[in-house]
Amino acid sequence: VSFVRWYEEPVLARRYGAAYSKYRAAVPGWWPR
């Protein structure tokens, strides 16, 4: 959880921009839809 929160999510946000933001807003991180 720490790795995802403080490393992975910021890197993905920089790399994929709006596409990742939209995906992150729609799909939960840890408990499946």
PDB file of all heavy atoms in Angstrom:
ATOM      1  N   VAL A   1       0.845  -1.202   0.000  1.00  0.00           N
ATOM      2  CA  VAL A   1       0.000   0.000   0.000  1.00  0.00           C
ATOM      3  C   VAL A   1       0.880   1.253   0.000  1.00  0.00           C
ATOM      4  O   VAL A   1       0.612   2.211  -0.736  1.00  0.00           O
ATOM      5  CB  VAL A   1      -0.986  -0.008   1.188  1.00  0.00           C
ATOM      6  CG1 VAL A   1      -1.658   1.340   1.368  1.00  0.00           C
ATOM      7  CG2 VAL A   1      -2.026  -1.113   1.007  1.00  0.00           C
ATOM      8  N   SER A   2       1.929   1.249   0.792  1.00  0.00           N
ATOM      9  CA  SER A   2       2.843   2.398   0.841  1.00  0.00           C
ATOM     10  C   SER A   2       3.528   2.612  -0.503  1.00  0.00           C
ATOM     11  O   SER A   2       3.625   3.743  -0.993  1.00  0.00           O
ATOM     12  CB  SER A   2       3.901   2.188   1.931  1.00  0.00           C
ATOM     13  OG  SER A   2       3.283   2.124   3.191  1.00  0.00           O
ATOM     14  N   PHE A   3       4.003   1.532  -1.101  1.00  0.00           N
ATOM     15  CA  PHE A   3       4.667   1.626  -2.407  1.00  0.00           C
ATOM     16  C   PHE A   3       3.711   2.192  -3.453  1.00  0.00           C
ATOM     17  O   PHE A   3       4.081   3.093  -4.220  1.00  0.00           O
ATOM     18  CB  PHE A   3       5.182   0.248  -2.833  1.00  0.00           C
ATOM     19  CG  PHE A   3       5.838   0.250  -4.182  1.00  0.00           C
ATOM     20  CD1 PHE A   3       7.116   0.760  -4.353  1.00  0.00           C
ATOM     21  CD2 PHE A   3       5.180  -0.263  -5.287  1.00  0.00           C
ATOM     22  CE1 PHE A   3       7.723   0.764  -5.609  1.00  0.00           C
ATOM     23  CE2 PHE A   3       5.773  -0.263  -6.547  1.00  0.00           C
ATOM     24  CZ  PHE A   3       7.053   0.250  -6.704  1.00  0.00           C
ATOM     25  N   VAL A   4       2.492   1.676  -3.486  1.00  0.00           N
ATOM     26  CA  VAL A   4       1.502   2.153  -4.459  1.00  0.00           C
ATOM     27  C   VAL A   4       1.208   3.627  -4.235  1.00  0.00           C
ATOM     28  O   VAL A   4       1.202   4.424  -5.180  1.00  0.00           O
ATOM     29  CB  VAL A   4       0.208   1.305  -4.393  1.00  0.00           C
ATOM     30  CG1 VAL A   4      -0.930   1.968  -5.135  1.00  0.00           C
ATOM     31  CG2 VAL A   4       0.462  -0.095  -4.940  1.00  0.00           C
ATOM     32  N   ARG A   5       0.958   3.994  -3.004  1.00  0.00           N
ATOM     33  CA  ARG A   5       0.546   5.372  -2.690  1.00  0.00           C
ATOM     34  C   ARG A   5       1.647   6.391  -2.975  1.00  0.00           C
ATOM     35  O   ARG A   5       1.408   7.432  -3.550  1.00  0.00           O
ATOM     36  CB  ARG A   5       0.114   5.450  -1.217  1.00  0.00           C
ATOM     37  CG  ARG A   5      -0.188   6.827  -0.715  1.00  0.00           C
ATOM     38  CD  ARG A   5      -1.455   7.396  -1.371  1.00  0.00           C
ATOM     39  NE  ARG A   5      -1.738   8.727  -0.877  1.00  0.00           N
ATOM     40  CZ  ARG A   5      -1.401   9.842  -1.512  1.00  0.00           C
ATOM     41  NH1 ARG A   5      -0.774   9.786  -2.658  1.00  0.00           N
ATOM     42  NH2 ARG A   5      -1.693  11.007  -1.001  1.00  0.00           N
ATOM     43  N   TRP A   6       2.869   6.091  -2.557  1.00  0.00           N
ATOM     44  CA  TRP A   6       3.920   7.106  -2.622  1.00  0.00           C
ATOM     45  C   TRP A   6       4.862   6.973  -3.808  1.00  0.00           C
ATOM     46  O   TRP A   6       5.635   7.883  -4.083  1.00  0.00           O
ATOM     47  CB  TRP A   6       4.698   7.164  -1.309  1.00  0.00           C
ATOM     48  CG  TRP A   6       3.857   7.797  -0.241  1.00  0.00           C
ATOM     49  CD1 TRP A   6       3.368   9.074  -0.244  1.00  0.00           C
ATOM     50  CD2 TRP A   6       3.368   7.191   0.941  1.00  0.00           C
ATOM     51  NE1 TRP A   6       2.612   9.289   0.876  1.00  0.00           N
ATOM     52  CE2 TRP A   6       2.595   8.143   1.637  1.00  0.00           C
ATOM     53  CE3 TRP A   6       3.492   5.926   1.499  1.00  0.00           C
ATOM     54  CZ2 TRP A   6       1.965   7.890   2.839  1.00  0.00           C
ATOM     55  CZ3 TRP A   6       2.870   5.665   2.700  1.00  0.00           C
ATOM     56  CH2 TRP A   6       2.117   6.644   3.356  1.00  0.00           C
ATOM     57  N   TYR A   7       4.813   5.868  -4.516  1.00  0.00           N
ATOM     58  CA  TYR A   7       5.656   5.745  -5.706  1.00  0.00           C
ATOM     59  C   TYR A   7       4.836   5.486  -6.969  1.00  0.00           C
ATOM     60  O   TYR A   7       4.862   6.250  -7.923  1.00  0.00           O
ATOM     61  CB  TYR A   7       6.706   4.634  -5.538  1.00  0.00           C
ATOM     62  CG  TYR A   7       7.476   4.411  -6.814  1.00  0.00           C
ATOM     63  CD1 TYR A   7       8.496   5.287  -7.203  1.00  0.00           C
ATOM     64  CD2 TYR A   7       7.157   3.363  -7.685  1.00  0.00           C
ATOM     65  CE1 TYR A   7       9.171   5.117  -8.405  1.00  0.00           C
ATOM     66  CE2 TYR A   7       7.827   3.192  -8.886  1.00  0.00           C
ATOM     67  CZ  TYR A   7       8.833   4.068  -9.233  1.00  0.00           C
ATOM     68  OH  TYR A   7       9.493   3.910 -10.427  1.00  0.00           O
ATOM     69  N   GLU A   8       4.103   4.387  -6.964  1.00  0.00           N
ATOM     70  CA  GLU A   8       3.461   3.927  -8.190  1.00  0.00           C
ATOM     71  C   GLU A   8       2.402   4.899  -8.725  1.00  0.00           C
ATOM     72  O   GLU A   8       2.394   5.211  -9.923  1.00  0.00           O
ATOM     73  CB  GLU A   8       2.843   2.552  -7.935  1.00  0.00           C
ATOM     74  CG  GLU A   8       2.644   1.738  -9.167  1.00  0.00           C
ATOM     75  CD  GLU A   8       2.286   0.306  -8.833  1.00  0.00           C
ATOM     76  OE1 GLU A   8       1.104   0.045  -8.522  1.00  0.00           O
ATOM     77  OE2 GLU A   8       3.186  -0.547  -8.901  1.00  0.00           O
ATOM     78  N   GLU A   9       1.497   5.346  -7.867  1.00  0.00           N
ATOM     79  CA  GLU A   9       0.436   6.246  -8.337  1.00  0.00           C
ATOM     80  C   GLU A   9       0.988   7.569  -8.889  1.00  0.00           C
ATOM     81  O   GLU A   9       0.567   7.997  -9.969  1.00  0.00           O
ATOM     82  CB  GLU A   9      -0.601   6.480  -7.243  1.00  0.00           C
ATOM     83  CG  GLU A   9      -1.466   5.261  -7.012  1.00  0.00           C
ATOM     84  CD  GLU A   9      -2.464   5.419  -5.875  1.00  0.00           C
ATOM     85  OE1 GLU A   9      -2.334   6.376  -5.077  1.00  0.00           O
ATOM     86  OE2 GLU A   9      -3.368   4.576  -5.791  1.00  0.00           O
ATOM     87  N   PRO A  10       1.936   8.224  -8.225  1.00  0.00           N
ATOM     88  CA  PRO A  10       2.492   9.451  -8.811  1.00  0.00           C
ATOM     89  C   PRO A  10       3.207   9.203 -10.150  1.00  0.00           C
ATOM     90  O   PRO A  10       3.088  10.006 -11.073  1.00  0.00           O
ATOM     91  CB  PRO A  10       3.475   9.958  -7.746  1.00  0.00           C
ATOM     92  CG  PRO A  10       2.983   9.369  -6.462  1.00  0.00           C
ATOM     93  CD  PRO A  10       2.408   8.031  -6.835  1.00  0.00           C
ATOM     94  N   VAL A  11       3.917   8.082 -10.258  1.00  0.00           N
ATOM     95  CA  VAL A  11       4.614   7.773 -11.508  1.00  0.00           C
ATOM     96  C   VAL A  11       3.605   7.529 -12.630  1.00  0.00           C
ATOM     97  O   VAL A  11       3.761   8.034 -13.747  1.00  0.00           O
ATOM     98  CB  VAL A  11       5.556   6.557 -11.327  1.00  0.00           C
ATOM     99  CG1 VAL A  11       6.031   6.011 -12.668  1.00  0.00           C
ATOM    100  CG2 VAL A  11       6.739   6.937 -10.457  1.00  0.00           C
ATOM    101  N   LEU A  12       2.563   6.759 -12.349  1.00  0.00           N
ATOM    102  CA  LEU A  12       1.544   6.501 -13.367  1.00  0.00           C
ATOM    103  C   LEU A  12       0.810   7.778 -13.757  1.00  0.00           C
ATOM    104  O   LEU A  12       0.491   7.979 -14.933  1.00  0.00           O
ATOM    105  CB  LEU A  12       0.559   5.439 -12.874  1.00  0.00           C
ATOM    106  CG  LEU A  12       1.127   4.026 -12.725  1.00  0.00           C
ATOM    107  CD1 LEU A  12       0.115   3.112 -12.046  1.00  0.00           C
ATOM    108  CD2 LEU A  12       1.549   3.466 -14.071  1.00  0.00           C
ATOM    109  N   ALA A  13       0.547   8.626 -12.804  1.00  0.00           N
ATOM    110  CA  ALA A  13      -0.127   9.898 -13.101  1.00  0.00           C
ATOM    111  C   ALA A  13       0.733  10.764 -14.032  1.00  0.00           C
ATOM    112  O   ALA A  13       0.215  11.373 -14.977  1.00  0.00           O
ATOM    113  CB  ALA A  13      -0.440  10.642 -11.808  1.00  0.00           C
ATOM    114  N   ARG A  14       2.034  10.814 -13.786  1.00  0.00           N
ATOM    115  CA  ARG A  14       2.927  11.585 -14.663  1.00  0.00           C
ATOM    116  C   ARG A  14       3.037  10.951 -16.049  1.00  0.00           C
ATOM    117  O   ARG A  14       3.032  11.643 -17.061  1.00  0.00           O
ATOM    118  CB  ARG A  14       4.322  11.704 -14.040  1.00  0.00           C
ATOM    119  CG  ARG A  14       4.429  12.744 -12.958  1.00  0.00           C
ATOM    120  CD  ARG A  14       5.864  13.021 -12.567  1.00  0.00           C
ATOM    121  NE  ARG A  14       6.603  11.845 -12.122  1.00  0.00           N
ATOM    122  CZ  ARG A  14       6.603  11.385 -10.867  1.00  0.00           C
ATOM    123  NH1 ARG A  14       5.907  11.993  -9.937  1.00  0.00           N
ATOM    124  NH2 ARG A  14       7.316  10.315 -10.551  1.00  0.00           N
ATOM    125  N   ARG A  15       3.133   9.636 -16.071  1.00  0.00           N
ATOM    126  CA  ARG A  15       3.364   8.927 -17.339  1.00  0.00           C
ATOM    127  C   ARG A  15       2.124   8.913 -18.234  1.00  0.00           C
ATOM    128  O   ARG A  15       2.233   9.065 -19.441  1.00  0.00           O
ATOM    129  CB  ARG A  15       3.828   7.504 -17.052  1.00  0.00           C
ATOM    130  CG  ARG A  15       4.179   6.722 -18.305  1.00  0.00           C
ATOM    131  CD  ARG A  15       4.874   5.425 -17.939  1.00  0.00           C
ATOM    132  NE  ARG A  15       5.179   4.661 -19.111  1.00  0.00           N
ATOM    133  CZ  ARG A  15       6.338   4.670 -19.747  1.00  0.00           C
ATOM    134  NH1 ARG A  15       7.324   5.417 -19.298  1.00  0.00           N
ATOM    135  NH2 ARG A  15       6.526   3.929 -20.815  1.00  0.00           N
ATOM    136  N   TYR A  16       0.946   8.690 -17.650  1.00  0.00           N
ATOM    137  CA  TYR A  16      -0.264   8.489 -18.454  1.00  0.00           C
ATOM    138  C   TYR A  16      -1.289   9.615 -18.312  1.00  0.00           C
ATOM    139  O   TYR A  16      -2.327   9.570 -18.965  1.00  0.00           O
ATOM    140  CB  TYR A  16      -0.899   7.146 -18.128  1.00  0.00           C
ATOM    141  CG  TYR A  16       0.037   5.987 -18.379  1.00  0.00           C
ATOM    142  CD1 TYR A  16       0.581   5.268 -17.316  1.00  0.00           C
ATOM    143  CD2 TYR A  16       0.390   5.627 -19.670  1.00  0.00           C
ATOM    144  CE1 TYR A  16       1.451   4.208 -17.548  1.00  0.00           C
ATOM    145  CE2 TYR A  16       1.269   4.580 -19.910  1.00  0.00           C
ATOM    146  CZ  TYR A  16       1.791   3.877 -18.842  1.00  0.00           C
ATOM    147  OH  TYR A  16       2.655   2.840 -19.073  1.00  0.00           O
ATOM    148  N   GLY A  17      -1.039  10.582 -17.468  1.00  0.00           N
ATOM    149  CA  GLY A  17      -1.859  11.783 -17.357  1.00  0.00           C
ATOM    150  C   GLY A  17      -3.346  11.554 -17.144  1.00  0.00           C
ATOM    151  O   GLY A  17      -3.753  10.822 -16.240  1.00  0.00           O
ATOM    152  N   ALA A  18      -4.151  12.176 -18.000  1.00  0.00           N
ATOM    153  CA  ALA A  18      -5.609  12.151 -17.857  1.00  0.00           C
ATOM    154  C   ALA A  18      -6.177  10.735 -17.953  1.00  0.00           C
ATOM    155  O   ALA A  18      -7.157  10.416 -17.277  1.00  0.00           O
ATOM    156  CB  ALA A  18      -6.258  13.046 -18.903  1.00  0.00           C
ATOM    157  N   ALA A  19      -5.570   9.894 -18.769  1.00  0.00           N
ATOM    158  CA  ALA A  19      -6.065   8.512 -18.903  1.00  0.00           C
ATOM    159  C   ALA A  19      -5.979   7.783 -17.560  1.00  0.00           C
ATOM    160  O   ALA A  19      -6.914   7.079 -17.156  1.00  0.00           O
ATOM    161  CB  ALA A  19      -5.285   7.755 -19.970  1.00  0.00           C
ATOM    162  N   TYR A  20      -4.867   7.968 -16.852  1.00  0.00           N
ATOM    163  CA  TYR A  20      -4.732   7.326 -15.548  1.00  0.00           C
ATOM    164  C   TYR A  20      -5.671   7.958 -14.530  1.00  0.00           C
ATOM    165  O   TYR A  20      -6.271   7.261 -13.717  1.00  0.00           O
ATOM    166  CB  TYR A  20      -3.286   7.380 -15.042  1.00  0.00           C
ATOM    167  CG  TYR A  20      -3.144   6.724 -13.682  1.00  0.00           C
ATOM    168  CD1 TYR A  20      -3.286   5.348 -13.531  1.00  0.00           C
ATOM    169  CD2 TYR A  20      -2.908   7.488 -12.540  1.00  0.00           C
ATOM    170  CE1 TYR A  20      -3.184   4.741 -12.297  1.00  0.00           C
ATOM    171  CE2 TYR A  20      -2.802   6.888 -11.298  1.00  0.00           C
ATOM    172  CZ  TYR A  20      -2.938   5.519 -11.178  1.00  0.00           C
ATOM    173  OH  TYR A  20      -2.853   4.927  -9.940  1.00  0.00           O
ATOM    174  N   SER A  21      -5.827   9.266 -14.572  1.00  0.00           N
ATOM    175  CA  SER A  21      -6.733   9.939 -13.632  1.00  0.00           C
ATOM    176  C   SER A  21      -8.157   9.424 -13.790  1.00  0.00           C
ATOM    177  O   SER A  21      -8.842   9.160 -12.801  1.00  0.00           O
ATOM    178  CB  SER A  21      -6.703  11.446 -13.844  1.00  0.00           C
ATOM    179  OG  SER A  21      -5.438  11.947 -13.510  1.00  0.00           O
ATOM    180  N   LYS A  22      -8.602   9.286 -15.018  1.00  0.00           N
ATOM    181  CA  LYS A  22      -9.951   8.767 -15.286  1.00  0.00           C
ATOM    182  C   LYS A  22     -10.077   7.325 -14.788  1.00  0.00           C
ATOM    183  O   LYS A  22     -11.050   6.963 -14.135  1.00  0.00           O
ATOM    184  CB  LYS A  22     -10.253   8.841 -16.782  1.00  0.00           C
ATOM    185  CG  LYS A  22     -11.630   8.347 -17.149  1.00  0.00           C
ATOM    186  CD  LYS A  22     -11.868   8.452 -18.638  1.00  0.00           C
ATOM    187  CE  LYS A  22     -13.229   7.874 -18.989  1.00  0.00           C
ATOM    188  NZ  LYS A  22     -13.455   7.842 -20.427  1.00  0.00           N
ATOM    189  N   TYR A  23      -9.078   6.511 -15.087  1.00  0.00           N
ATOM    190  CA  TYR A  23      -9.069   5.114 -14.655  1.00  0.00           C
ATOM    191  C   TYR A  23      -9.059   5.025 -13.125  1.00  0.00           C
ATOM    192  O   TYR A  23      -9.844   4.287 -12.526  1.00  0.00           O
ATOM    193  CB  TYR A  23      -7.842   4.416 -15.250  1.00  0.00           C
ATOM    194  CG  TYR A  23      -7.619   3.013 -14.745  1.00  0.00           C
ATOM    195  CD1 TYR A  23      -8.504   1.992 -15.061  1.00  0.00           C
ATOM    196  CD2 TYR A  23      -6.508   2.713 -13.970  1.00  0.00           C
ATOM    197  CE1 TYR A  23      -8.286   0.699 -14.604  1.00  0.00           C
ATOM    198  CE2 TYR A  23      -6.282   1.431 -13.517  1.00  0.00           C
ATOM    199  CZ  TYR A  23      -7.172   0.421 -13.832  1.00  0.00           C
ATOM    200  OH  TYR A  23      -6.953  -0.852 -13.375  1.00  0.00           O
ATOM    201  N   ARG A  24      -8.210   5.812 -12.499  1.00  0.00           N
ATOM    202  CA  ARG A  24      -8.094   5.788 -11.034  1.00  0.00           C
ATOM    203  C   ARG A  24      -9.396   6.206 -10.353  1.00  0.00           C
ATOM    204  O   ARG A  24      -9.778   5.665  -9.320  1.00  0.00           O
ATOM    205  CB  ARG A  24      -6.954   6.694 -10.594  1.00  0.00           C
ATOM    206  CG  ARG A  24      -6.695   6.640  -9.117  1.00  0.00           C
ATOM    207  CD  ARG A  24      -5.469   7.433  -8.749  1.00  0.00           C
ATOM    208  NE  ARG A  24      -5.311   7.395  -7.302  1.00  0.00           N
ATOM    209  CZ  ARG A  24      -4.747   8.346  -6.610  1.00  0.00           C
ATOM    210  NH1 ARG A  24      -4.250   9.406  -7.200  1.00  0.00           N
ATOM    211  NH2 ARG A  24      -4.650   8.235  -5.315  1.00  0.00           N
ATOM    212  N   ALA A  25     -10.091   7.156 -10.946  1.00  0.00           N
ATOM    213  CA  ALA A  25     -11.361   7.609 -10.380  1.00  0.00           C
ATOM    214  C   ALA A  25     -12.463   6.562 -10.515  1.00  0.00           C
ATOM    215  O   ALA A  25     -13.377   6.509  -9.692  1.00  0.00           O
ATOM    216  CB  ALA A  25     -11.800   8.911 -11.053  1.00  0.00           C
ATOM    217  N   ALA A  26     -12.359   5.709 -11.524  1.00  0.00           N
ATOM    218  CA  ALA A  26     -13.427   4.746 -11.812  1.00  0.00           C
ATOM    219  C   ALA A  26     -13.204   3.355 -11.220  1.00  0.00           C
ATOM    220  O   ALA A  26     -14.165   2.625 -10.963  1.00  0.00           O
ATOM    221  CB  ALA A  26     -13.603   4.620 -13.322  1.00  0.00           C
ATOM    222  N   VAL A  27     -11.952   2.977 -11.009  1.00  0.00           N
ATOM    223  CA  VAL A  27     -11.645   1.608 -10.582  1.00  0.00           C
ATOM    224  C   VAL A  27     -10.964   1.654  -9.216  1.00  0.00           C
ATOM    225  O   VAL A  27      -9.939   2.315  -9.051  1.00  0.00           O
ATOM    226  CB  VAL A  27     -10.744   0.902 -11.622  1.00  0.00           C
ATOM    227  CG1 VAL A  27     -10.407  -0.517 -11.179  1.00  0.00           C
ATOM    228  CG2 VAL A  27     -11.430   0.876 -12.985  1.00  0.00           C
ATOM    229  N   PRO A  28     -11.518   0.922  -8.237  1.00  0.00           N
ATOM    230  CA  PRO A  28     -10.908   0.925  -6.904  1.00  0.00           C
ATOM    231  C   PRO A  28      -9.527   0.250  -6.895  1.00  0.00           C
ATOM    232  O   PRO A  28      -9.252  -0.628  -7.708  1.00  0.00           O
ATOM    233  CB  PRO A  28     -11.904   0.141  -6.043  1.00  0.00           C
ATOM    234  CG  PRO A  28     -12.800  -0.567  -6.988  1.00  0.00           C
ATOM    235  CD  PRO A  28     -12.711   0.099  -8.314  1.00  0.00           C
ATOM    236  N   GLY A  29      -8.710   0.681  -5.969  1.00  0.00           N
ATOM    237  CA  GLY A  29      -7.350   0.156  -5.886  1.00  0.00           C
ATOM    238  C   GLY A  29      -7.255  -1.227  -5.281  1.00  0.00           C
ATOM    239  O   GLY A  29      -6.438  -2.044  -5.712  1.00  0.00           O
ATOM    240  N   TRP A  30      -8.089  -1.519  -4.278  1.00  0.00           N
ATOM    241  CA  TRP A  30      -7.849  -2.735  -3.499  1.00  0.00           C
ATOM    242  C   TRP A  30      -9.057  -3.658  -3.374  1.00  0.00           C
ATOM    243  O   TRP A  30      -8.887  -4.833  -3.085  1.00  0.00           O
ATOM    244  CB  TRP A  30      -7.348  -2.355  -2.107  1.00  0.00           C
ATOM    245  CG  TRP A  30      -6.091  -1.563  -2.210  1.00  0.00           C
ATOM    246  CD1 TRP A  30      -5.969  -0.200  -2.162  1.00  0.00           C
ATOM    247  CD2 TRP A  30      -4.776  -2.059  -2.457  1.00  0.00           C
ATOM    248  NE1 TRP A  30      -4.657   0.167  -2.353  1.00  0.00           N
ATOM    249  CE2 TRP A  30      -3.900  -0.956  -2.534  1.00  0.00           C
ATOM    250  CE3 TRP A  30      -4.244  -3.345  -2.619  1.00  0.00           C
ATOM    251  CZ2 TRP A  30      -2.547  -1.091  -2.753  1.00  0.00           C
ATOM    252  CZ3 TRP A  30      -2.890  -3.471  -2.838  1.00  0.00           C
ATOM    253  CH2 TRP A  30      -2.053  -2.348  -2.900  1.00  0.00           C
ATOM    254  N   TRP A  31     -10.244  -3.154  -3.525  1.00  0.00           N
ATOM    255  CA  TRP A  31     -11.442  -3.994  -3.397  1.00  0.00           C
ATOM    256  C   TRP A  31     -12.155  -3.985  -4.746  1.00  0.00           C
ATOM    257  O   TRP A  31     -12.624  -2.938  -5.172  1.00  0.00           O
ATOM    258  CB  TRP A  31     -12.350  -3.475  -2.290  1.00  0.00           C
ATOM    259  CG  TRP A  31     -13.373  -4.472  -1.912  1.00  0.00           C
ATOM    260  CD1 TRP A  31     -14.690  -4.458  -2.277  1.00  0.00           C
ATOM    261  CD2 TRP A  31     -13.205  -5.645  -1.116  1.00  0.00           C
ATOM    262  NE1 TRP A  31     -15.346  -5.545  -1.764  1.00  0.00           N
ATOM    263  CE2 TRP A  31     -14.437  -6.296  -1.041  1.00  0.00           C
ATOM    264  CE3 TRP A  31     -12.108  -6.217  -0.474  1.00  0.00           C
ATOM    265  CZ2 TRP A  31     -14.622  -7.483  -0.343  1.00  0.00           C
ATOM    266  CZ3 TRP A  31     -12.296  -7.395   0.220  1.00  0.00           C
ATOM    267  CH2 TRP A  31     -13.529  -8.011   0.289  1.00  0.00           C
ATOM    268  N   PRO A  32     -12.252  -5.122  -5.429  1.00  0.00           N
ATOM    269  CA  PRO A  32     -12.761  -5.133  -6.808  1.00  0.00           C
ATOM    270  C   PRO A  32     -14.194  -4.627  -6.970  1.00  0.00           C
ATOM    271  O   PRO A  32     -15.040  -4.796  -6.092  1.00  0.00           O
ATOM    272  CB  PRO A  32     -12.695  -6.618  -7.189  1.00  0.00           C
ATOM    273  CG  PRO A  32     -11.720  -7.222  -6.236  1.00  0.00           C
ATOM    274  CD  PRO A  32     -11.827  -6.432  -4.971  1.00  0.00           C
ATOM    275  N   ARG A  33     -14.432  -4.010  -8.120  1.00  0.00           N
ATOM    276  CA  ARG A  33     -15.777  -3.631  -8.546  1.00  0.00           C
ATOM    277  C   ARG A  33     -16.550  -4.911  -8.841  1.00  0.00           C
ATOM    278  O   ARG A  33     -15.959  -5.931  -9.165  1.00  0.00           O
ATOM    279  CB  ARG A  33     -15.728  -2.846  -9.866  1.00  0.00           C
ATOM    280  CG  ARG A  33     -15.087  -1.511  -9.825  1.00  0.00           C
ATOM    281  CD  ARG A  33     -14.853  -0.993 -11.257  1.00  0.00           C
ATOM    282  NE  ARG A  33     -16.056  -0.989 -12.068  1.00  0.00           N
ATOM    283  CZ  ARG A  33     -16.721   0.104 -12.429  1.00  0.00           C
ATOM    284  NH1 ARG A  33     -16.285   1.277 -12.037  1.00  0.00           N
ATOM    285  NH2 ARG A  33     -17.792   0.033 -13.166  1.00  0.00           N
TER     286      ARG A  33
END
